[in-house]
């Protein structure tokens, strides 16, 4: 599969090779070692892996002198399982980057949507988030209020929160302004009190946004 990817991309090596499926770590991880030794792969990343699976992958790679370089998991104000399960701490202690996806929960934490202005009803995200939009009002309202202090949007505060947690947010950009807004959000430094306030409001929603493809990190 790695060779096929290199051929399609017309490249000699892959900067970071992501293993997205956490199933059977002991079976797949050893297959990465020849790729690392040959230089075809420079770094290894794992996605949707919990702490036990990350440790095991790191053990297998470590025996050959390599390591897991990055973890990519679902992480947002509404889904902090990677933090509660010790993944963030493990990454911090072992020099592993943590890349956070779904930081804005497909727009539900962007401040654009509420019960009067829901997401498209016929979309998957609309079906998932529209029923809980009333529960999100206090949280997105506070995100908007904090944003006014920094001259930023609700979305930018969601991104700034993820950065404050030591993660690298993955932002889905469909317009030029999305890229510019994300770059500006990286300049915002939230206070510990603001981070704590947002997390308390998020916990109070009682919403669990774990996807059907994920197993718990805890």
N, C-alpha and C. Protein backbone atom coordinates (compact mmCIF):
# COMPACT_ATOMS: atom_id res chain seq x y z
N UNK A 1 0.83 -1.20 0.00
CA UNK A 1 0.00 0.00 0.00
C UNK A 1 0.87 1.26 0.00
N UNK A 2 1.97 1.22 0.75
CA UNK A 2 2.87 2.37 0.78
C UNK A 2 3.48 2.60 -0.60
N UNK A 3 3.92 1.53 -1.24
CA UNK A 3 4.50 1.65 -2.58
C UNK A 3 3.49 2.20 -3.57
N UNK A 4 2.24 1.75 -3.45
CA UNK A 4 1.19 2.24 -4.36
C UNK A 4 0.94 3.73 -4.13
N UNK A 5 0.96 4.15 -2.87
CA UNK A 5 0.76 5.57 -2.58
C UNK A 5 1.90 6.41 -3.15
N UNK A 6 3.13 5.93 -2.99
CA UNK A 6 4.27 6.66 -3.52
C UNK A 6 4.19 6.79 -5.04
N UNK A 7 3.76 5.73 -5.68
CA UNK A 7 3.65 5.76 -7.15
C UNK A 7 2.58 6.76 -7.58
N UNK A 8 1.43 6.74 -6.90
CA UNK A 8 0.35 7.67 -7.26
C UNK A 8 0.77 9.12 -7.08
N UNK A 9 1.52 9.38 -6.00
CA UNK A 9 1.92 10.75 -5.70
C UNK A 9 3.20 11.18 -6.41
N UNK A 10 3.90 10.22 -7.02
CA UNK A 10 5.13 10.54 -7.71
C UNK A 10 6.23 10.99 -6.76
N UNK A 11 6.29 10.34 -5.58
CA UNK A 11 7.26 10.71 -4.56
C UNK A 11 8.18 9.54 -4.23
N UNK A 12 9.31 9.87 -3.59
CA UNK A 12 10.26 8.85 -3.16
C UNK A 12 10.03 8.43 -1.71
N UNK A 13 9.37 9.28 -0.95
CA UNK A 13 9.14 8.95 0.46
C UNK A 13 7.86 9.64 0.95
N UNK A 14 7.35 9.15 2.08
CA UNK A 14 6.15 9.69 2.71
C UNK A 14 6.59 10.38 4.01
N UNK A 15 6.22 11.63 4.19
CA UNK A 15 6.62 12.39 5.39
C UNK A 15 6.06 11.75 6.66
N UNK A 16 4.77 11.45 6.65
CA UNK A 16 4.16 10.81 7.81
C UNK A 16 3.11 9.81 7.33
N UNK A 17 3.24 8.60 7.79
CA UNK A 17 2.36 7.52 7.36
C UNK A 17 1.38 7.23 8.49
N UNK A 18 0.10 7.53 8.24
CA UNK A 18 -0.92 7.39 9.27
C UNK A 18 -1.56 6.00 9.26
N UNK A 19 -1.65 5.40 10.43
CA UNK A 19 -2.40 4.16 10.60
C UNK A 19 -3.71 4.55 11.27
N UNK A 20 -4.80 4.54 10.52
CA UNK A 20 -6.07 5.06 11.03
C UNK A 20 -6.84 4.05 11.86
N UNK A 21 -6.72 2.78 11.53
CA UNK A 21 -7.52 1.77 12.21
C UNK A 21 -6.75 1.20 13.39
N UNK A 22 -7.29 1.26 14.61
CA UNK A 22 -6.56 0.78 15.78
C UNK A 22 -6.64 -0.72 16.00
N UNK A 23 -7.30 -1.42 15.11
CA UNK A 23 -7.45 -2.86 15.29
C UNK A 23 -6.13 -3.59 15.05
N UNK A 24 -5.82 -4.54 15.91
CA UNK A 24 -4.70 -5.46 15.73
C UNK A 24 -3.35 -4.75 15.57
N UNK A 25 -3.01 -3.96 16.58
CA UNK A 25 -1.76 -3.21 16.56
C UNK A 25 -0.55 -4.14 16.40
N UNK A 26 -0.59 -5.29 17.05
CA UNK A 26 0.54 -6.22 16.98
C UNK A 26 0.75 -6.79 15.59
N UNK A 27 -0.30 -6.82 14.80
CA UNK A 27 -0.17 -7.36 13.44
C UNK A 27 0.40 -6.33 12.47
N UNK A 28 -0.09 -5.11 12.54
CA UNK A 28 0.27 -4.12 11.52
C UNK A 28 1.53 -3.30 11.83
N UNK A 29 1.78 -3.02 13.07
CA UNK A 29 2.90 -2.13 13.40
C UNK A 29 4.26 -2.67 12.92
N UNK A 30 4.54 -3.96 13.07
CA UNK A 30 5.85 -4.44 12.58
C UNK A 30 6.08 -4.19 11.10
N UNK A 31 5.00 -4.10 10.32
CA UNK A 31 5.14 -3.86 8.89
C UNK A 31 5.66 -2.47 8.56
N UNK A 32 5.61 -1.58 9.53
CA UNK A 32 6.11 -0.22 9.32
C UNK A 32 7.63 -0.14 9.42
N UNK A 33 8.23 -1.08 10.13
CA UNK A 33 9.67 -1.01 10.41
C UNK A 33 10.52 -1.07 9.13
N UNK A 34 10.25 -1.98 8.21
CA UNK A 34 11.05 -1.96 6.96
C UNK A 34 10.88 -0.65 6.18
N UNK A 35 9.70 -0.07 6.23
CA UNK A 35 9.47 1.20 5.53
C UNK A 35 10.28 2.32 6.16
N UNK A 36 10.37 2.32 7.49
CA UNK A 36 11.17 3.33 8.18
C UNK A 36 12.66 3.12 7.92
N UNK A 37 13.10 1.87 7.93
CA UNK A 37 14.52 1.57 7.69
C UNK A 37 14.94 1.95 6.28
N UNK A 38 14.05 1.76 5.33
CA UNK A 38 14.38 2.06 3.93
C UNK A 38 14.32 3.55 3.62
N UNK A 39 13.69 4.32 4.50
CA UNK A 39 13.54 5.75 4.25
C UNK A 39 12.30 6.09 3.45
N UNK A 40 11.52 5.06 3.08
CA UNK A 40 10.29 5.34 2.35
C UNK A 40 9.27 6.08 3.22
N UNK A 41 9.34 5.84 4.52
CA UNK A 41 8.49 6.54 5.48
C UNK A 41 9.39 7.22 6.50
N UNK A 42 9.16 8.52 6.74
CA UNK A 42 9.98 9.28 7.68
C UNK A 42 9.44 9.21 9.10
N UNK A 43 8.11 9.29 9.24
CA UNK A 43 7.50 9.28 10.56
C UNK A 43 6.21 8.46 10.53
N UNK A 44 5.81 7.98 11.70
CA UNK A 44 4.58 7.18 11.83
C UNK A 44 3.59 7.91 12.72
N UNK A 45 2.35 7.96 12.27
CA UNK A 45 1.27 8.52 13.08
C UNK A 45 0.16 7.50 13.23
N UNK A 46 -0.51 7.52 14.37
CA UNK A 46 -1.65 6.62 14.59
C UNK A 46 -2.89 7.46 14.89
N UNK A 47 -4.01 7.01 14.38
CA UNK A 47 -5.26 7.75 14.55
C UNK A 47 -6.31 6.85 15.18
N UNK A 48 -7.12 7.44 16.06
CA UNK A 48 -8.21 6.72 16.75
C UNK A 48 -7.69 5.59 17.63
N UNK A 49 -6.48 5.72 18.12
CA UNK A 49 -5.88 4.75 19.03
C UNK A 49 -6.01 5.25 20.47
N UNK A 50 -6.28 4.32 21.39
CA UNK A 50 -6.32 4.71 22.80
C UNK A 50 -4.93 4.54 23.42
N UNK A 51 -4.82 4.83 24.71
CA UNK A 51 -3.51 4.85 25.35
C UNK A 51 -2.82 3.49 25.29
N UNK A 52 -3.57 2.42 25.49
CA UNK A 52 -2.98 1.08 25.45
C UNK A 52 -2.42 0.77 24.07
N UNK A 53 -3.18 1.13 23.04
CA UNK A 53 -2.75 0.84 21.66
C UNK A 53 -1.56 1.71 21.25
N UNK A 54 -1.54 2.96 21.69
CA UNK A 54 -0.42 3.84 21.38
C UNK A 54 0.85 3.32 22.04
N UNK A 55 0.73 2.94 23.31
CA UNK A 55 1.90 2.40 24.03
C UNK A 55 2.43 1.16 23.33
N UNK A 56 1.53 0.27 22.91
CA UNK A 56 1.96 -0.98 22.27
C UNK A 56 2.66 -0.69 20.94
N UNK A 57 2.10 0.21 20.15
CA UNK A 57 2.73 0.58 18.88
C UNK A 57 4.11 1.17 19.13
N UNK A 58 4.21 1.99 20.16
CA UNK A 58 5.49 2.62 20.50
C UNK A 58 6.51 1.57 20.95
N UNK A 59 6.05 0.56 21.69
CA UNK A 59 6.94 -0.52 22.14
C UNK A 59 7.50 -1.28 20.94
N UNK A 60 6.63 -1.63 20.01
CA UNK A 60 7.05 -2.41 18.84
C UNK A 60 8.05 -1.61 17.99
N UNK A 61 7.72 -0.35 17.74
CA UNK A 61 8.63 0.49 16.95
C UNK A 61 9.92 0.76 17.71
N UNK A 62 9.81 0.92 19.04
CA UNK A 62 10.98 1.22 19.86
C UNK A 62 12.02 0.12 19.83
N UNK A 63 11.58 -1.13 19.70
CA UNK A 63 12.52 -2.24 19.64
C UNK A 63 13.43 -2.15 18.42
N UNK A 64 12.97 -1.42 17.41
CA UNK A 64 13.77 -1.24 16.19
C UNK A 64 14.41 0.14 16.12
N UNK A 65 14.27 0.91 17.20
CA UNK A 65 14.89 2.23 17.24
C UNK A 65 14.03 3.35 16.68
N UNK A 66 12.72 3.08 16.53
CA UNK A 66 11.81 4.11 16.01
C UNK A 66 10.74 4.41 17.06
N UNK A 67 9.79 5.28 16.72
CA UNK A 67 8.75 5.64 17.67
C UNK A 67 7.52 6.15 16.93
N UNK A 68 6.41 6.21 17.65
CA UNK A 68 5.23 6.90 17.16
C UNK A 68 5.51 8.40 17.25
N UNK A 69 5.35 9.11 16.16
CA UNK A 69 5.65 10.54 16.13
C UNK A 69 4.43 11.41 16.38
N UNK A 70 3.24 10.87 16.04
CA UNK A 70 2.04 11.70 16.16
C UNK A 70 0.81 10.84 16.40
N UNK A 71 -0.15 11.43 17.09
CA UNK A 71 -1.45 10.81 17.33
C UNK A 71 -2.51 11.76 16.79
N UNK A 72 -3.49 11.21 16.08
CA UNK A 72 -4.57 12.03 15.53
C UNK A 72 -5.90 11.46 16.03
N UNK A 73 -6.53 12.16 16.98
CA UNK A 73 -7.78 11.70 17.55
C UNK A 73 -8.84 12.80 17.55
N UNK A 74 -10.09 12.41 17.60
CA UNK A 74 -11.22 13.31 17.79
C UNK A 74 -11.05 13.99 19.14
N UNK A 75 -11.04 15.33 19.14
CA UNK A 75 -10.84 16.07 20.38
C UNK A 75 -11.49 17.44 20.26
N UNK A 76 -12.41 17.72 21.15
CA UNK A 76 -13.10 19.01 21.14
C UNK A 76 -13.59 19.30 22.55
N UNK A 77 -14.18 20.47 22.74
CA UNK A 77 -14.78 20.80 24.02
C UNK A 77 -15.84 19.77 24.42
N UNK A 78 -16.50 19.19 23.43
CA UNK A 78 -17.55 18.22 23.71
C UNK A 78 -17.04 16.78 23.80
N UNK A 79 -15.78 16.57 23.41
CA UNK A 79 -15.24 15.20 23.44
C UNK A 79 -13.77 15.24 23.83
N UNK A 80 -13.54 15.11 25.14
CA UNK A 80 -12.18 15.19 25.68
C UNK A 80 -11.68 13.83 26.16
N UNK A 81 -12.15 12.78 25.54
CA UNK A 81 -11.81 11.43 25.96
C UNK A 81 -10.30 11.18 25.94
N UNK A 82 -9.60 11.75 24.96
CA UNK A 82 -8.14 11.54 24.87
C UNK A 82 -7.42 12.18 26.05
N UNK A 83 -7.98 13.27 26.57
CA UNK A 83 -7.38 13.90 27.75
C UNK A 83 -7.69 13.06 28.99
N UNK A 84 -8.95 12.69 29.15
CA UNK A 84 -9.37 11.94 30.33
C UNK A 84 -8.74 10.55 30.37
N UNK A 85 -8.46 10.00 29.21
CA UNK A 85 -7.87 8.66 29.14
C UNK A 85 -6.35 8.64 29.21
N UNK A 86 -5.73 9.81 29.35
CA UNK A 86 -4.28 9.87 29.51
C UNK A 86 -3.48 9.99 28.23
N UNK A 87 -4.15 10.07 27.09
CA UNK A 87 -3.42 10.14 25.82
C UNK A 87 -2.64 11.44 25.70
N UNK A 88 -3.25 12.56 26.07
CA UNK A 88 -2.56 13.83 25.96
C UNK A 88 -1.31 13.85 26.84
N UNK A 89 -1.43 13.36 28.06
CA UNK A 89 -0.28 13.33 28.96
C UNK A 89 0.82 12.43 28.40
N UNK A 90 0.44 11.27 27.87
CA UNK A 90 1.43 10.34 27.31
C UNK A 90 2.16 10.99 26.14
N UNK A 91 1.42 11.67 25.28
CA UNK A 91 2.04 12.34 24.14
C UNK A 91 3.00 13.43 24.61
N UNK A 92 2.59 14.20 25.58
CA UNK A 92 3.42 15.28 26.11
C UNK A 92 4.71 14.72 26.70
N UNK A 93 4.60 13.63 27.46
CA UNK A 93 5.75 13.04 28.15
C UNK A 93 6.72 12.37 27.19
N UNK A 94 6.23 11.96 26.01
CA UNK A 94 7.06 11.20 25.07
C UNK A 94 7.37 11.94 23.77
N UNK A 95 7.12 13.24 23.76
CA UNK A 95 7.47 14.04 22.58
C UNK A 95 6.68 13.65 21.34
N UNK A 96 5.42 13.30 21.54
CA UNK A 96 4.54 12.90 20.43
C UNK A 96 3.55 14.03 20.15
N UNK A 97 3.43 14.44 18.91
CA UNK A 97 2.45 15.46 18.54
C UNK A 97 1.04 14.89 18.67
N UNK A 98 0.11 15.72 19.15
CA UNK A 98 -1.30 15.31 19.18
C UNK A 98 -2.06 16.22 18.23
N UNK A 99 -2.59 15.61 17.19
CA UNK A 99 -3.38 16.34 16.19
C UNK A 99 -4.86 16.12 16.49
N UNK A 100 -5.59 17.19 16.69
CA UNK A 100 -7.00 17.13 17.08
C UNK A 100 -7.91 17.34 15.86
N UNK A 101 -8.76 16.37 15.59
CA UNK A 101 -9.74 16.57 14.51
C UNK A 101 -11.14 16.73 15.11
N UNK A 102 -12.05 17.29 14.33
CA UNK A 102 -13.42 17.61 14.75
C UNK A 102 -13.44 18.59 15.93
N UNK A 103 -12.50 19.51 15.93
CA UNK A 103 -12.40 20.50 17.01
C UNK A 103 -13.68 21.33 17.13
N UNK A 104 -14.31 21.64 16.00
CA UNK A 104 -15.54 22.43 16.00
C UNK A 104 -16.78 21.57 15.79
N UNK A 105 -16.63 20.26 15.92
CA UNK A 105 -17.75 19.33 15.81
C UNK A 105 -18.61 19.60 14.57
N UNK A 106 -17.92 19.63 13.42
CA UNK A 106 -18.58 19.80 12.12
C UNK A 106 -19.44 21.06 12.06
N UNK A 107 -19.01 22.09 12.78
CA UNK A 107 -19.71 23.38 12.73
C UNK A 107 -20.64 23.62 13.90
N UNK A 108 -20.94 22.59 14.68
CA UNK A 108 -21.87 22.76 15.81
C UNK A 108 -21.31 23.73 16.86
N UNK A 109 -19.97 23.87 16.92
CA UNK A 109 -19.34 24.79 17.86
C UNK A 109 -18.81 26.05 17.16
N UNK A 110 -19.32 26.32 15.99
CA UNK A 110 -18.86 27.49 15.24
C UNK A 110 -19.59 28.76 15.63
N UNK A 111 -20.72 28.62 16.34
CA UNK A 111 -21.54 29.77 16.67
C UNK A 111 -22.49 30.17 15.56
N UNK A 112 -22.41 29.50 14.42
CA UNK A 112 -23.27 29.82 13.28
C UNK A 112 -24.66 29.22 13.42
N UNK A 113 -24.75 28.15 14.21
CA UNK A 113 -26.01 27.40 14.25
C UNK A 113 -26.64 27.42 15.64
N UNK A 114 -27.97 27.46 15.65
CA UNK A 114 -28.75 27.37 16.89
C UNK A 114 -30.12 26.82 16.53
N UNK A 115 -31.01 26.73 17.51
CA UNK A 115 -32.31 26.11 17.23
C UNK A 115 -33.13 26.91 16.22
N UNK A 116 -32.87 28.22 16.12
CA UNK A 116 -33.57 29.03 15.11
C UNK A 116 -32.90 28.92 13.75
N UNK A 117 -31.62 28.59 13.74
CA UNK A 117 -30.86 28.46 12.50
C UNK A 117 -30.06 27.15 12.54
N UNK A 118 -30.74 26.01 12.35
CA UNK A 118 -30.07 24.71 12.48
C UNK A 118 -29.22 24.36 11.28
N UNK A 119 -28.45 23.30 11.44
CA UNK A 119 -27.68 22.77 10.31
C UNK A 119 -28.66 22.16 9.31
N UNK A 120 -28.23 21.97 8.05
CA UNK A 120 -29.13 21.37 7.06
C UNK A 120 -29.74 20.07 7.58
N UNK A 121 -31.05 20.02 7.62
CA UNK A 121 -31.74 18.90 8.26
C UNK A 121 -31.49 17.57 7.57
N UNK A 122 -31.22 17.60 6.26
CA UNK A 122 -31.03 16.35 5.52
C UNK A 122 -29.58 15.87 5.51
N UNK A 123 -28.69 16.60 6.20
CA UNK A 123 -27.29 16.20 6.25
C UNK A 123 -27.04 15.31 7.47
N UNK A 124 -25.96 14.53 7.40
CA UNK A 124 -25.62 13.67 8.54
C UNK A 124 -25.31 14.50 9.78
N UNK A 125 -24.61 15.60 9.59
CA UNK A 125 -24.27 16.42 10.74
C UNK A 125 -25.50 17.11 11.32
N UNK A 126 -26.45 17.44 10.44
CA UNK A 126 -27.69 18.03 10.92
C UNK A 126 -28.48 17.04 11.77
N UNK A 127 -28.54 15.81 11.31
CA UNK A 127 -29.24 14.78 12.06
C UNK A 127 -28.58 14.51 13.40
N UNK A 128 -27.25 14.65 13.45
CA UNK A 128 -26.51 14.38 14.68
C UNK A 128 -26.58 15.53 15.67
N UNK A 129 -26.41 16.77 15.18
CA UNK A 129 -26.25 17.90 16.09
C UNK A 129 -27.52 18.75 16.29
N UNK A 130 -28.43 18.79 15.33
CA UNK A 130 -29.61 19.63 15.50
C UNK A 130 -30.40 19.33 16.77
N UNK A 131 -30.56 18.05 17.13
CA UNK A 131 -31.32 17.76 18.35
C UNK A 131 -30.70 18.31 19.63
N UNK A 132 -29.39 18.58 19.62
CA UNK A 132 -28.72 19.04 20.85
C UNK A 132 -28.34 20.51 20.79
N UNK A 133 -28.72 21.22 19.75
CA UNK A 133 -28.37 22.64 19.64
C UNK A 133 -28.86 23.47 20.84
N UNK A 134 -30.07 23.20 21.37
CA UNK A 134 -30.48 23.97 22.56
C UNK A 134 -29.54 23.78 23.74
N UNK A 135 -28.98 22.58 23.87
CA UNK A 135 -28.07 22.30 24.98
C UNK A 135 -26.72 23.00 24.81
N UNK A 136 -26.42 23.43 23.59
CA UNK A 136 -25.13 24.05 23.31
C UNK A 136 -25.15 25.57 23.46
N UNK A 137 -26.33 26.15 23.66
CA UNK A 137 -26.45 27.60 23.64
C UNK A 137 -25.58 28.29 24.70
N UNK A 138 -25.56 27.74 25.92
CA UNK A 138 -24.75 28.38 26.97
C UNK A 138 -23.28 28.33 26.62
N UNK A 139 -22.84 27.21 26.08
CA UNK A 139 -21.42 27.06 25.72
C UNK A 139 -21.04 27.97 24.57
N UNK A 140 -21.79 27.92 23.47
CA UNK A 140 -21.43 28.76 22.32
C UNK A 140 -21.64 30.24 22.65
N UNK A 141 -22.57 30.54 23.57
CA UNK A 141 -22.75 31.92 23.99
C UNK A 141 -21.52 32.43 24.73
N UNK A 142 -20.94 31.60 25.60
CA UNK A 142 -19.73 31.99 26.31
C UNK A 142 -18.53 32.06 25.38
N UNK A 143 -18.45 31.15 24.42
CA UNK A 143 -17.38 31.20 23.43
C UNK A 143 -17.44 32.51 22.65
N UNK A 144 -18.65 32.92 22.30
CA UNK A 144 -18.83 34.18 21.57
C UNK A 144 -18.44 35.36 22.44
N UNK A 145 -18.83 35.31 23.73
CA UNK A 145 -18.50 36.41 24.65
C UNK A 145 -16.99 36.53 24.85
N UNK A 146 -16.32 35.40 25.02
CA UNK A 146 -14.86 35.42 25.16
C UNK A 146 -14.23 35.93 23.86
N UNK A 147 -14.81 35.54 22.75
CA UNK A 147 -14.30 36.00 21.46
C UNK A 147 -14.34 37.50 21.32
N UNK A 148 -15.38 38.13 21.85
CA UNK A 148 -15.48 39.59 21.77
C UNK A 148 -14.31 40.26 22.49
N UNK A 149 -13.85 39.65 23.57
CA UNK A 149 -12.70 40.19 24.31
C UNK A 149 -11.45 40.20 23.45
N UNK A 150 -11.31 39.18 22.59
CA UNK A 150 -10.11 39.04 21.76
C UNK A 150 -10.32 39.52 20.31
N UNK A 151 -11.50 40.04 20.03
CA UNK A 151 -11.79 40.42 18.66
C UNK A 151 -11.84 39.22 17.74
N UNK A 152 -12.40 38.13 18.26
CA UNK A 152 -12.40 36.86 17.53
C UNK A 152 -13.82 36.28 17.47
N UNK A 153 -13.98 35.28 16.62
CA UNK A 153 -15.27 34.62 16.47
C UNK A 153 -15.38 33.44 17.44
N UNK A 154 -16.58 32.91 17.54
CA UNK A 154 -16.82 31.70 18.33
C UNK A 154 -15.93 30.56 17.84
N UNK A 155 -15.84 30.39 16.53
CA UNK A 155 -15.00 29.33 15.95
C UNK A 155 -13.54 29.48 16.36
N UNK A 156 -13.06 30.70 16.32
CA UNK A 156 -11.66 30.94 16.67
C UNK A 156 -11.38 30.61 18.14
N UNK A 157 -12.37 30.82 19.00
CA UNK A 157 -12.18 30.46 20.40
C UNK A 157 -12.14 28.94 20.56
N UNK A 158 -12.94 28.22 19.78
CA UNK A 158 -12.87 26.75 19.80
C UNK A 158 -11.51 26.24 19.38
N UNK A 159 -10.92 26.89 18.38
CA UNK A 159 -9.59 26.52 17.91
C UNK A 159 -8.54 26.90 18.95
N UNK A 160 -8.68 28.11 19.51
CA UNK A 160 -7.72 28.58 20.52
C UNK A 160 -7.74 27.68 21.75
N UNK A 161 -8.92 27.18 22.11
CA UNK A 161 -9.02 26.25 23.25
C UNK A 161 -8.20 24.99 22.96
N UNK A 162 -8.34 24.43 21.76
CA UNK A 162 -7.60 23.22 21.42
C UNK A 162 -6.09 23.46 21.46
N UNK A 163 -5.66 24.63 21.02
CA UNK A 163 -4.24 24.98 21.06
C UNK A 163 -3.78 25.12 22.51
N UNK A 164 -4.64 25.71 23.35
CA UNK A 164 -4.31 25.88 24.77
C UNK A 164 -4.11 24.54 25.46
N UNK A 165 -4.72 23.48 24.92
CA UNK A 165 -4.57 22.14 25.49
C UNK A 165 -3.32 21.44 24.98
N UNK A 166 -2.53 22.14 24.15
CA UNK A 166 -1.29 21.56 23.64
C UNK A 166 -1.46 20.71 22.41
N UNK A 167 -2.57 20.89 21.68
CA UNK A 167 -2.83 20.08 20.50
C UNK A 167 -2.65 20.90 19.22
N UNK A 168 -2.57 20.20 18.10
CA UNK A 168 -2.51 20.84 16.79
C UNK A 168 -3.86 20.61 16.11
N UNK A 169 -4.72 21.62 16.05
CA UNK A 169 -6.05 21.42 15.48
C UNK A 169 -6.01 21.21 13.96
N UNK A 170 -6.78 20.26 13.49
CA UNK A 170 -6.95 20.04 12.06
C UNK A 170 -8.24 20.75 11.66
N UNK A 171 -8.13 21.73 10.78
CA UNK A 171 -9.27 22.55 10.42
C UNK A 171 -9.73 22.23 9.00
N UNK A 172 -11.01 21.95 8.85
CA UNK A 172 -11.58 21.73 7.52
C UNK A 172 -11.87 23.08 6.88
N UNK A 173 -11.11 23.47 5.90
CA UNK A 173 -11.26 24.78 5.26
C UNK A 173 -11.84 24.63 3.86
N UNK A 174 -12.95 25.31 3.61
CA UNK A 174 -13.54 25.31 2.26
C UNK A 174 -13.46 26.69 1.62
N UNK A 175 -13.06 27.69 2.41
CA UNK A 175 -12.94 29.05 1.90
C UNK A 175 -11.63 29.65 2.40
N UNK A 176 -11.13 30.63 1.66
CA UNK A 176 -9.87 31.28 2.03
C UNK A 176 -9.95 31.86 3.44
N UNK A 177 -11.10 32.44 3.79
CA UNK A 177 -11.22 33.08 5.11
C UNK A 177 -11.10 32.08 6.24
N UNK A 178 -11.44 30.80 5.98
CA UNK A 178 -11.29 29.79 7.02
C UNK A 178 -9.82 29.61 7.39
N UNK A 179 -8.96 29.66 6.40
CA UNK A 179 -7.52 29.52 6.63
C UNK A 179 -6.99 30.73 7.40
N UNK A 180 -7.43 31.91 6.98
CA UNK A 180 -6.98 33.14 7.63
C UNK A 180 -7.46 33.17 9.09
N UNK A 181 -8.72 32.80 9.32
CA UNK A 181 -9.28 32.80 10.68
C UNK A 181 -8.55 31.81 11.58
N UNK A 182 -8.21 30.65 11.02
CA UNK A 182 -7.49 29.65 11.82
C UNK A 182 -6.11 30.16 12.20
N UNK A 183 -5.44 30.82 11.27
CA UNK A 183 -4.12 31.38 11.55
C UNK A 183 -4.21 32.46 12.63
N UNK A 184 -5.25 33.29 12.57
CA UNK A 184 -5.43 34.33 13.59
C UNK A 184 -5.76 33.72 14.94
N UNK A 185 -6.50 32.60 14.94
CA UNK A 185 -6.86 31.94 16.20
C UNK A 185 -5.63 31.44 16.93
N UNK A 186 -4.59 31.08 16.17
CA UNK A 186 -3.36 30.58 16.79
C UNK A 186 -2.65 31.65 17.61
N UNK A 187 -3.02 32.91 17.43
CA UNK A 187 -2.39 34.00 18.18
C UNK A 187 -3.10 34.27 19.51
N UNK A 188 -4.28 33.67 19.69
CA UNK A 188 -5.07 33.91 20.90
C UNK A 188 -4.56 33.03 22.04
N UNK A 189 -4.29 33.63 23.17
CA UNK A 189 -3.85 32.87 24.35
C UNK A 189 -4.93 32.99 25.42
N UNK A 190 -5.72 31.94 25.57
CA UNK A 190 -6.79 31.94 26.57
C UNK A 190 -6.20 31.81 27.97
N UNK A 191 -6.87 32.40 28.94
CA UNK A 191 -6.44 32.26 30.32
C UNK A 191 -6.90 30.90 30.87
N UNK A 192 -6.28 30.47 31.96
CA UNK A 192 -6.68 29.22 32.59
C UNK A 192 -8.13 29.28 33.04
N UNK A 193 -8.56 30.46 33.49
CA UNK A 193 -9.95 30.64 33.93
C UNK A 193 -10.91 30.48 32.76
N UNK A 194 -10.55 31.01 31.61
CA UNK A 194 -11.42 30.89 30.43
C UNK A 194 -11.50 29.44 29.96
N UNK A 195 -10.37 28.76 29.96
CA UNK A 195 -10.36 27.34 29.57
C UNK A 195 -11.24 26.52 30.51
N UNK A 196 -11.09 26.76 31.80
CA UNK A 196 -11.87 26.03 32.80
C UNK A 196 -13.36 26.32 32.67
N UNK A 197 -13.72 27.57 32.45
CA UNK A 197 -15.12 27.96 32.28
C UNK A 197 -15.74 27.25 31.09
N UNK A 198 -15.04 27.24 29.96
CA UNK A 198 -15.55 26.58 28.76
C UNK A 198 -15.73 25.08 28.99
N UNK A 199 -14.79 24.47 29.67
CA UNK A 199 -14.88 23.03 29.90
C UNK A 199 -16.02 22.69 30.84
N UNK A 200 -16.27 23.53 31.83
CA UNK A 200 -17.39 23.30 32.74
C UNK A 200 -18.71 23.40 31.99
N UNK A 201 -18.84 24.40 31.14
CA UNK A 201 -20.07 24.55 30.35
C UNK A 201 -20.24 23.39 29.37
N UNK A 202 -19.13 22.93 28.80
CA UNK A 202 -19.19 21.80 27.88
C UNK A 202 -19.64 20.53 28.61
N UNK A 203 -19.08 20.30 29.79
CA UNK A 203 -19.46 19.13 30.57
C UNK A 203 -20.94 19.18 30.96
N UNK A 204 -21.42 20.40 31.24
CA UNK A 204 -22.81 20.57 31.67
C UNK A 204 -23.81 20.24 30.56
N UNK A 205 -23.37 20.23 29.30
CA UNK A 205 -24.29 19.89 28.21
C UNK A 205 -24.70 18.43 28.25
N UNK A 206 -23.84 17.60 28.81
CA UNK A 206 -24.14 16.17 28.87
C UNK A 206 -24.11 15.49 27.51
N UNK A 207 -23.47 16.13 26.53
CA UNK A 207 -23.44 15.61 25.16
C UNK A 207 -22.19 14.77 24.93
N UNK A 208 -22.37 13.60 24.33
CA UNK A 208 -21.26 12.73 23.95
C UNK A 208 -21.24 12.65 22.43
N UNK A 209 -20.20 13.16 21.80
CA UNK A 209 -20.15 13.20 20.34
C UNK A 209 -19.23 12.13 19.75
N UNK A 210 -18.96 11.08 20.52
CA UNK A 210 -18.11 10.01 20.00
C UNK A 210 -18.73 9.41 18.74
N UNK A 211 -17.91 9.29 17.70
CA UNK A 211 -18.39 8.74 16.44
C UNK A 211 -18.51 7.23 16.48
N UNK A 212 -19.31 6.68 15.59
CA UNK A 212 -19.50 5.24 15.54
C UNK A 212 -18.24 4.48 15.17
N UNK A 213 -17.26 5.17 14.57
CA UNK A 213 -15.99 4.55 14.18
C UNK A 213 -14.99 4.52 15.34
N UNK A 214 -15.30 5.19 16.44
CA UNK A 214 -14.35 5.33 17.55
C UNK A 214 -14.67 4.38 18.70
N UNK A 215 -13.63 3.89 19.35
CA UNK A 215 -13.86 3.29 20.64
C UNK A 215 -13.36 4.25 21.70
N UNK A 216 -13.83 4.10 22.91
CA UNK A 216 -13.49 5.08 23.95
C UNK A 216 -12.00 5.10 24.22
N UNK A 217 -11.49 6.27 24.57
CA UNK A 217 -10.09 6.44 24.93
C UNK A 217 -9.86 6.15 26.41
N UNK A 218 -10.95 6.01 27.15
CA UNK A 218 -10.82 5.85 28.60
C UNK A 218 -10.89 4.38 28.99
